[in-house]
Amino acid sequence: MVDDIFIWNERLGIALPELNQEWESYSEQARSSIVTQWEIIRGTIPDRVFAYERLINVKQAELYEEEDFETSCCINSEIAELASRINDLHIWYRINQEIETRSHF
């Protein structure tokens, strides 16, 4: 059942929960399994953020050396996308606080 709830997100590089019903509708055992699985996934988020930060550093170095305006714009756009991913990962990382509050049955 838990496997059906977590769907791989290619953009962020982690599986994200997609609940098909209200949280309270899940059994106590299912909620516990969901929270446990989310904690495992959540634990990988700092590593994903770090990997995207390294890519940003590489892109910034490329941007510094790039002289062609159009190419610079493309690199800058790639940097913005990577920063957006980091922001989304931070949001998902903080979701744990809401789940923990709800998980106290």
N, C-alpha and C. Protein backbone atom coordinates (compact mmCIF):
# COMPACT_ATOMS: atom_id res chain seq x y z
N MET A 1 0.82 -1.20 0.00
CA MET A 1 0.00 0.00 0.00
C MET A 1 0.86 1.26 0.00
N VAL A 2 1.90 1.28 0.80
CA VAL A 2 2.76 2.47 0.88
C VAL A 2 3.43 2.74 -0.46
N ASP A 3 3.75 1.68 -1.19
CA ASP A 3 4.40 1.85 -2.49
C ASP A 3 3.51 2.62 -3.46
N ASP A 4 2.19 2.46 -3.33
CA ASP A 4 1.25 3.17 -4.20
C ASP A 4 1.18 4.66 -3.88
N ILE A 5 1.56 5.03 -2.69
CA ILE A 5 1.42 6.42 -2.25
C ILE A 5 2.61 7.27 -2.69
N PHE A 6 3.78 6.69 -2.79
CA PHE A 6 4.97 7.44 -3.14
C PHE A 6 5.30 7.28 -4.62
N ILE A 7 5.27 8.40 -5.33
CA ILE A 7 5.48 8.43 -6.78
C ILE A 7 6.79 9.16 -7.07
N TRP A 8 7.62 8.54 -7.91
CA TRP A 8 8.92 9.11 -8.24
C TRP A 8 8.74 10.43 -8.98
N ASN A 9 9.46 11.46 -8.52
CA ASN A 9 9.47 12.76 -9.16
C ASN A 9 10.85 12.95 -9.79
N GLU A 10 10.90 12.87 -11.10
CA GLU A 10 12.16 12.95 -11.83
C GLU A 10 12.85 14.29 -11.60
N ARG A 11 12.09 15.36 -11.58
CA ARG A 11 12.65 16.71 -11.44
C ARG A 11 13.41 16.87 -10.11
N LEU A 12 12.83 16.35 -9.03
CA LEU A 12 13.45 16.51 -7.72
C LEU A 12 14.35 15.35 -7.33
N GLY A 13 14.20 14.24 -8.00
CA GLY A 13 15.04 13.09 -7.71
C GLY A 13 14.66 12.33 -6.45
N ILE A 14 13.40 12.46 -6.03
CA ILE A 14 12.90 11.71 -4.87
C ILE A 14 11.45 11.28 -5.16
N ALA A 15 10.98 10.32 -4.39
CA ALA A 15 9.58 9.93 -4.46
C ALA A 15 8.78 10.85 -3.55
N LEU A 16 7.62 11.30 -4.05
CA LEU A 16 6.77 12.20 -3.28
C LEU A 16 5.44 11.53 -2.96
N PRO A 17 4.87 11.87 -1.80
CA PRO A 17 3.58 11.27 -1.44
C PRO A 17 2.44 11.87 -2.26
N GLU A 18 1.56 11.01 -2.70
CA GLU A 18 0.32 11.43 -3.35
C GLU A 18 -0.82 10.68 -2.68
N LEU A 19 -1.38 11.32 -1.67
CA LEU A 19 -2.45 10.69 -0.90
C LEU A 19 -3.74 10.68 -1.71
N ASN A 20 -4.40 9.53 -1.76
CA ASN A 20 -5.64 9.38 -2.51
C ASN A 20 -6.88 9.69 -1.69
N GLN A 21 -6.68 9.91 -0.40
CA GLN A 21 -7.80 10.20 0.49
C GLN A 21 -7.31 11.09 1.62
N GLU A 22 -8.22 11.55 2.42
CA GLU A 22 -7.86 12.38 3.57
C GLU A 22 -6.99 11.58 4.53
N TRP A 23 -6.06 12.26 5.17
CA TRP A 23 -5.11 11.63 6.08
C TRP A 23 -5.82 10.80 7.14
N GLU A 24 -6.89 11.35 7.71
CA GLU A 24 -7.61 10.68 8.78
C GLU A 24 -8.31 9.41 8.29
N SER A 25 -8.50 9.29 6.99
CA SER A 25 -9.17 8.11 6.43
C SER A 25 -8.27 6.88 6.40
N TYR A 26 -6.97 7.10 6.46
CA TYR A 26 -6.03 5.96 6.47
C TYR A 26 -6.04 5.31 7.85
N SER A 27 -5.84 4.01 7.88
CA SER A 27 -5.77 3.30 9.16
C SER A 27 -4.53 3.76 9.93
N GLU A 28 -4.54 3.48 11.20
CA GLU A 28 -3.39 3.83 12.06
C GLU A 28 -2.11 3.18 11.53
N GLN A 29 -2.22 1.92 11.13
CA GLN A 29 -1.06 1.19 10.61
C GLN A 29 -0.58 1.81 9.30
N ALA A 30 -1.51 2.18 8.43
CA ALA A 30 -1.13 2.78 7.14
C ALA A 30 -0.46 4.13 7.37
N ARG A 31 -1.01 4.94 8.27
CA ARG A 31 -0.40 6.25 8.56
C ARG A 31 1.00 6.07 9.10
N SER A 32 1.18 5.10 9.97
CA SER A 32 2.50 4.84 10.54
C SER A 32 3.48 4.43 9.44
N SER A 33 3.04 3.58 8.53
CA SER A 33 3.90 3.15 7.42
C SER A 33 4.24 4.32 6.49
N ILE A 34 3.26 5.17 6.23
CA ILE A 34 3.49 6.33 5.38
C ILE A 34 4.52 7.26 6.01
N VAL A 35 4.34 7.53 7.29
CA VAL A 35 5.27 8.42 7.99
C VAL A 35 6.67 7.82 8.01
N THR A 36 6.77 6.53 8.26
CA THR A 36 8.08 5.86 8.27
C THR A 36 8.76 5.96 6.91
N GLN A 37 8.00 5.66 5.86
CA GLN A 37 8.57 5.74 4.51
C GLN A 37 8.97 7.17 4.17
N TRP A 38 8.14 8.14 4.56
CA TRP A 38 8.45 9.54 4.28
C TRP A 38 9.73 9.96 5.01
N GLU A 39 9.91 9.50 6.22
CA GLU A 39 11.13 9.84 6.98
C GLU A 39 12.37 9.32 6.26
N ILE A 40 12.28 8.14 5.68
CA ILE A 40 13.40 7.58 4.92
C ILE A 40 13.69 8.46 3.70
N ILE A 41 12.65 8.79 2.97
CA ILE A 41 12.82 9.64 1.78
C ILE A 41 13.30 11.02 2.19
N ARG A 42 12.69 11.57 3.21
CA ARG A 42 13.04 12.91 3.69
C ARG A 42 14.52 12.99 4.07
N GLY A 43 15.05 11.91 4.58
CA GLY A 43 16.46 11.87 4.97
C GLY A 43 17.41 12.03 3.80
N THR A 44 16.92 11.79 2.59
CA THR A 44 17.77 11.94 1.40
C THR A 44 17.75 13.35 0.83
N ILE A 45 16.83 14.17 1.29
CA ILE A 45 16.67 15.52 0.73
C ILE A 45 17.93 16.38 0.89
N PRO A 46 18.58 16.42 2.05
CA PRO A 46 19.79 17.24 2.15
C PRO A 46 20.86 16.86 1.12
N ASP A 47 21.00 15.58 0.83
CA ASP A 47 21.97 15.15 -0.19
C ASP A 47 21.56 15.63 -1.58
N ARG A 48 20.26 15.60 -1.87
CA ARG A 48 19.77 16.11 -3.16
C ARG A 48 20.05 17.60 -3.28
N VAL A 49 19.80 18.35 -2.20
CA VAL A 49 20.05 19.79 -2.20
C VAL A 49 21.53 20.05 -2.46
N PHE A 50 22.38 19.31 -1.77
CA PHE A 50 23.83 19.48 -1.93
C PHE A 50 24.25 19.19 -3.37
N ALA A 51 23.68 18.16 -3.98
CA ALA A 51 24.02 17.83 -5.38
C ALA A 51 23.60 18.96 -6.31
N TYR A 52 22.43 19.52 -6.10
CA TYR A 52 21.99 20.64 -6.94
C TYR A 52 22.84 21.88 -6.70
N GLU A 53 23.26 22.10 -5.47
CA GLU A 53 24.15 23.24 -5.19
C GLU A 53 25.48 23.09 -5.92
N ARG A 54 26.00 21.86 -5.96
CA ARG A 54 27.25 21.62 -6.71
C ARG A 54 27.05 21.91 -8.19
N LEU A 55 25.91 21.50 -8.75
CA LEU A 55 25.63 21.78 -10.15
C LEU A 55 25.53 23.29 -10.40
N ILE A 56 24.92 24.00 -9.47
CA ILE A 56 24.83 25.46 -9.60
C ILE A 56 26.23 26.06 -9.63
N ASN A 57 27.11 25.59 -8.77
CA ASN A 57 28.48 26.11 -8.75
C ASN A 57 29.19 25.88 -10.08
N VAL A 58 28.98 24.71 -10.67
CA VAL A 58 29.57 24.40 -11.98
C VAL A 58 29.00 25.35 -13.04
N LYS A 59 27.69 25.53 -13.02
CA LYS A 59 27.03 26.42 -13.99
C LYS A 59 27.48 27.87 -13.81
N GLN A 60 27.67 28.30 -12.57
CA GLN A 60 28.13 29.66 -12.32
C GLN A 60 29.55 29.86 -12.85
N ALA A 61 30.38 28.84 -12.74
CA ALA A 61 31.73 28.91 -13.30
C ALA A 61 31.66 29.00 -14.83
N GLU A 62 30.77 28.22 -15.43
CA GLU A 62 30.57 28.30 -16.88
C GLU A 62 30.10 29.69 -17.28
N LEU A 63 29.16 30.22 -16.53
CA LEU A 63 28.60 31.55 -16.80
C LEU A 63 29.68 32.62 -16.73
N TYR A 64 30.56 32.50 -15.77
CA TYR A 64 31.65 33.46 -15.59
C TYR A 64 32.56 33.49 -16.82
N GLU A 65 32.77 32.34 -17.42
CA GLU A 65 33.66 32.22 -18.58
C GLU A 65 32.97 32.49 -19.91
N GLU A 66 31.65 32.40 -19.93
CA GLU A 66 30.90 32.50 -21.19
C GLU A 66 30.85 33.94 -21.70
N GLU A 67 31.11 34.11 -22.99
CA GLU A 67 31.08 35.43 -23.60
C GLU A 67 29.86 35.64 -24.49
N ASP A 68 29.26 34.54 -24.96
CA ASP A 68 28.10 34.64 -25.83
C ASP A 68 26.85 34.92 -24.99
N PHE A 69 26.13 35.99 -25.35
CA PHE A 69 24.98 36.42 -24.56
C PHE A 69 23.88 35.35 -24.52
N GLU A 70 23.53 34.78 -25.66
CA GLU A 70 22.46 33.78 -25.69
C GLU A 70 22.82 32.55 -24.86
N THR A 71 24.05 32.11 -24.96
CA THR A 71 24.50 30.97 -24.16
C THR A 71 24.46 31.33 -22.68
N SER A 72 24.85 32.55 -22.35
CA SER A 72 24.80 33.02 -20.95
C SER A 72 23.37 32.98 -20.43
N CYS A 73 22.43 33.38 -21.27
CA CYS A 73 21.02 33.35 -20.86
C CYS A 73 20.55 31.91 -20.60
N CYS A 74 20.98 30.99 -21.44
CA CYS A 74 20.62 29.57 -21.25
C CYS A 74 21.21 29.03 -19.94
N ILE A 75 22.47 29.35 -19.69
CA ILE A 75 23.12 28.88 -18.46
C ILE A 75 22.42 29.49 -17.24
N ASN A 76 22.09 30.77 -17.34
CA ASN A 76 21.40 31.45 -16.24
C ASN A 76 20.03 30.81 -15.98
N SER A 77 19.35 30.42 -17.05
CA SER A 77 18.07 29.75 -16.92
C SER A 77 18.23 28.39 -16.24
N GLU A 78 19.28 27.66 -16.59
CA GLU A 78 19.56 26.37 -15.95
C GLU A 78 19.83 26.56 -14.46
N ILE A 79 20.55 27.60 -14.11
CA ILE A 79 20.83 27.91 -12.71
C ILE A 79 19.52 28.19 -11.97
N ALA A 80 18.64 28.96 -12.60
CA ALA A 80 17.35 29.29 -11.98
C ALA A 80 16.52 28.03 -11.75
N GLU A 81 16.54 27.11 -12.71
CA GLU A 81 15.80 25.85 -12.56
C GLU A 81 16.35 25.02 -11.40
N LEU A 82 17.66 24.95 -11.30
CA LEU A 82 18.28 24.20 -10.20
C LEU A 82 17.93 24.83 -8.85
N ALA A 83 17.94 26.16 -8.79
CA ALA A 83 17.58 26.86 -7.56
C ALA A 83 16.11 26.61 -7.21
N SER A 84 15.26 26.53 -8.22
CA SER A 84 13.85 26.23 -8.00
C SER A 84 13.68 24.83 -7.41
N ARG A 85 14.47 23.88 -7.90
CA ARG A 85 14.42 22.52 -7.36
C ARG A 85 14.83 22.52 -5.89
N ILE A 86 15.88 23.27 -5.56
CA ILE A 86 16.32 23.35 -4.17
C ILE A 86 15.21 23.92 -3.30
N ASN A 87 14.56 24.96 -3.79
CA ASN A 87 13.45 25.56 -3.04
C ASN A 87 12.33 24.55 -2.81
N ASP A 88 11.96 23.82 -3.86
CA ASP A 88 10.91 22.81 -3.73
C ASP A 88 11.31 21.72 -2.74
N LEU A 89 12.56 21.31 -2.79
CA LEU A 89 13.03 20.29 -1.84
C LEU A 89 12.96 20.79 -0.41
N HIS A 90 13.29 22.06 -0.20
CA HIS A 90 13.18 22.63 1.16
C HIS A 90 11.73 22.62 1.63
N ILE A 91 10.82 22.92 0.73
CA ILE A 91 9.39 22.89 1.09
C ILE A 91 8.99 21.47 1.48
N TRP A 92 9.36 20.48 0.67
CA TRP A 92 9.02 19.09 0.98
C TRP A 92 9.69 18.65 2.28
N TYR A 93 10.89 19.12 2.55
CA TYR A 93 11.58 18.75 3.78
C TYR A 93 10.79 19.23 5.00
N ARG A 94 10.23 20.44 4.90
CA ARG A 94 9.48 21.01 6.03
C ARG A 94 8.10 20.38 6.19
N ILE A 95 7.60 19.70 5.19
CA ILE A 95 6.28 19.06 5.28
C ILE A 95 6.25 18.06 6.42
N ASN A 96 7.38 17.52 6.78
CA ASN A 96 7.45 16.56 7.87
C ASN A 96 6.80 17.09 9.15
N GLN A 97 6.94 18.38 9.40
CA GLN A 97 6.36 18.95 10.61
C GLN A 97 4.85 18.76 10.63
N GLU A 98 4.20 18.93 9.48
CA GLU A 98 2.76 18.75 9.41
C GLU A 98 2.39 17.28 9.58
N ILE A 99 3.14 16.40 8.95
CA ILE A 99 2.85 14.97 9.04
C ILE A 99 3.04 14.48 10.47
N GLU A 100 4.11 14.92 11.14
CA GLU A 100 4.33 14.50 12.52
C GLU A 100 3.20 14.93 13.42
N THR A 101 2.69 16.15 13.21
CA THR A 101 1.58 16.64 14.01
C THR A 101 0.36 15.76 13.80
N ARG A 102 0.11 15.40 12.56
CA ARG A 102 -1.05 14.59 12.22
C ARG A 102 -0.87 13.13 12.65
N SER A 103 0.36 12.68 12.77
CA SER A 103 0.58 11.27 13.02
C SER A 103 0.37 10.86 14.48
N HIS A 104 0.16 11.82 15.36
CA HIS A 104 -0.11 11.47 16.76
C HIS A 104 -1.58 11.09 16.88
N PHE A 105 -1.83 9.82 16.86
CA PHE A 105 -3.19 9.29 16.75
C PHE A 105 -3.96 9.47 18.01
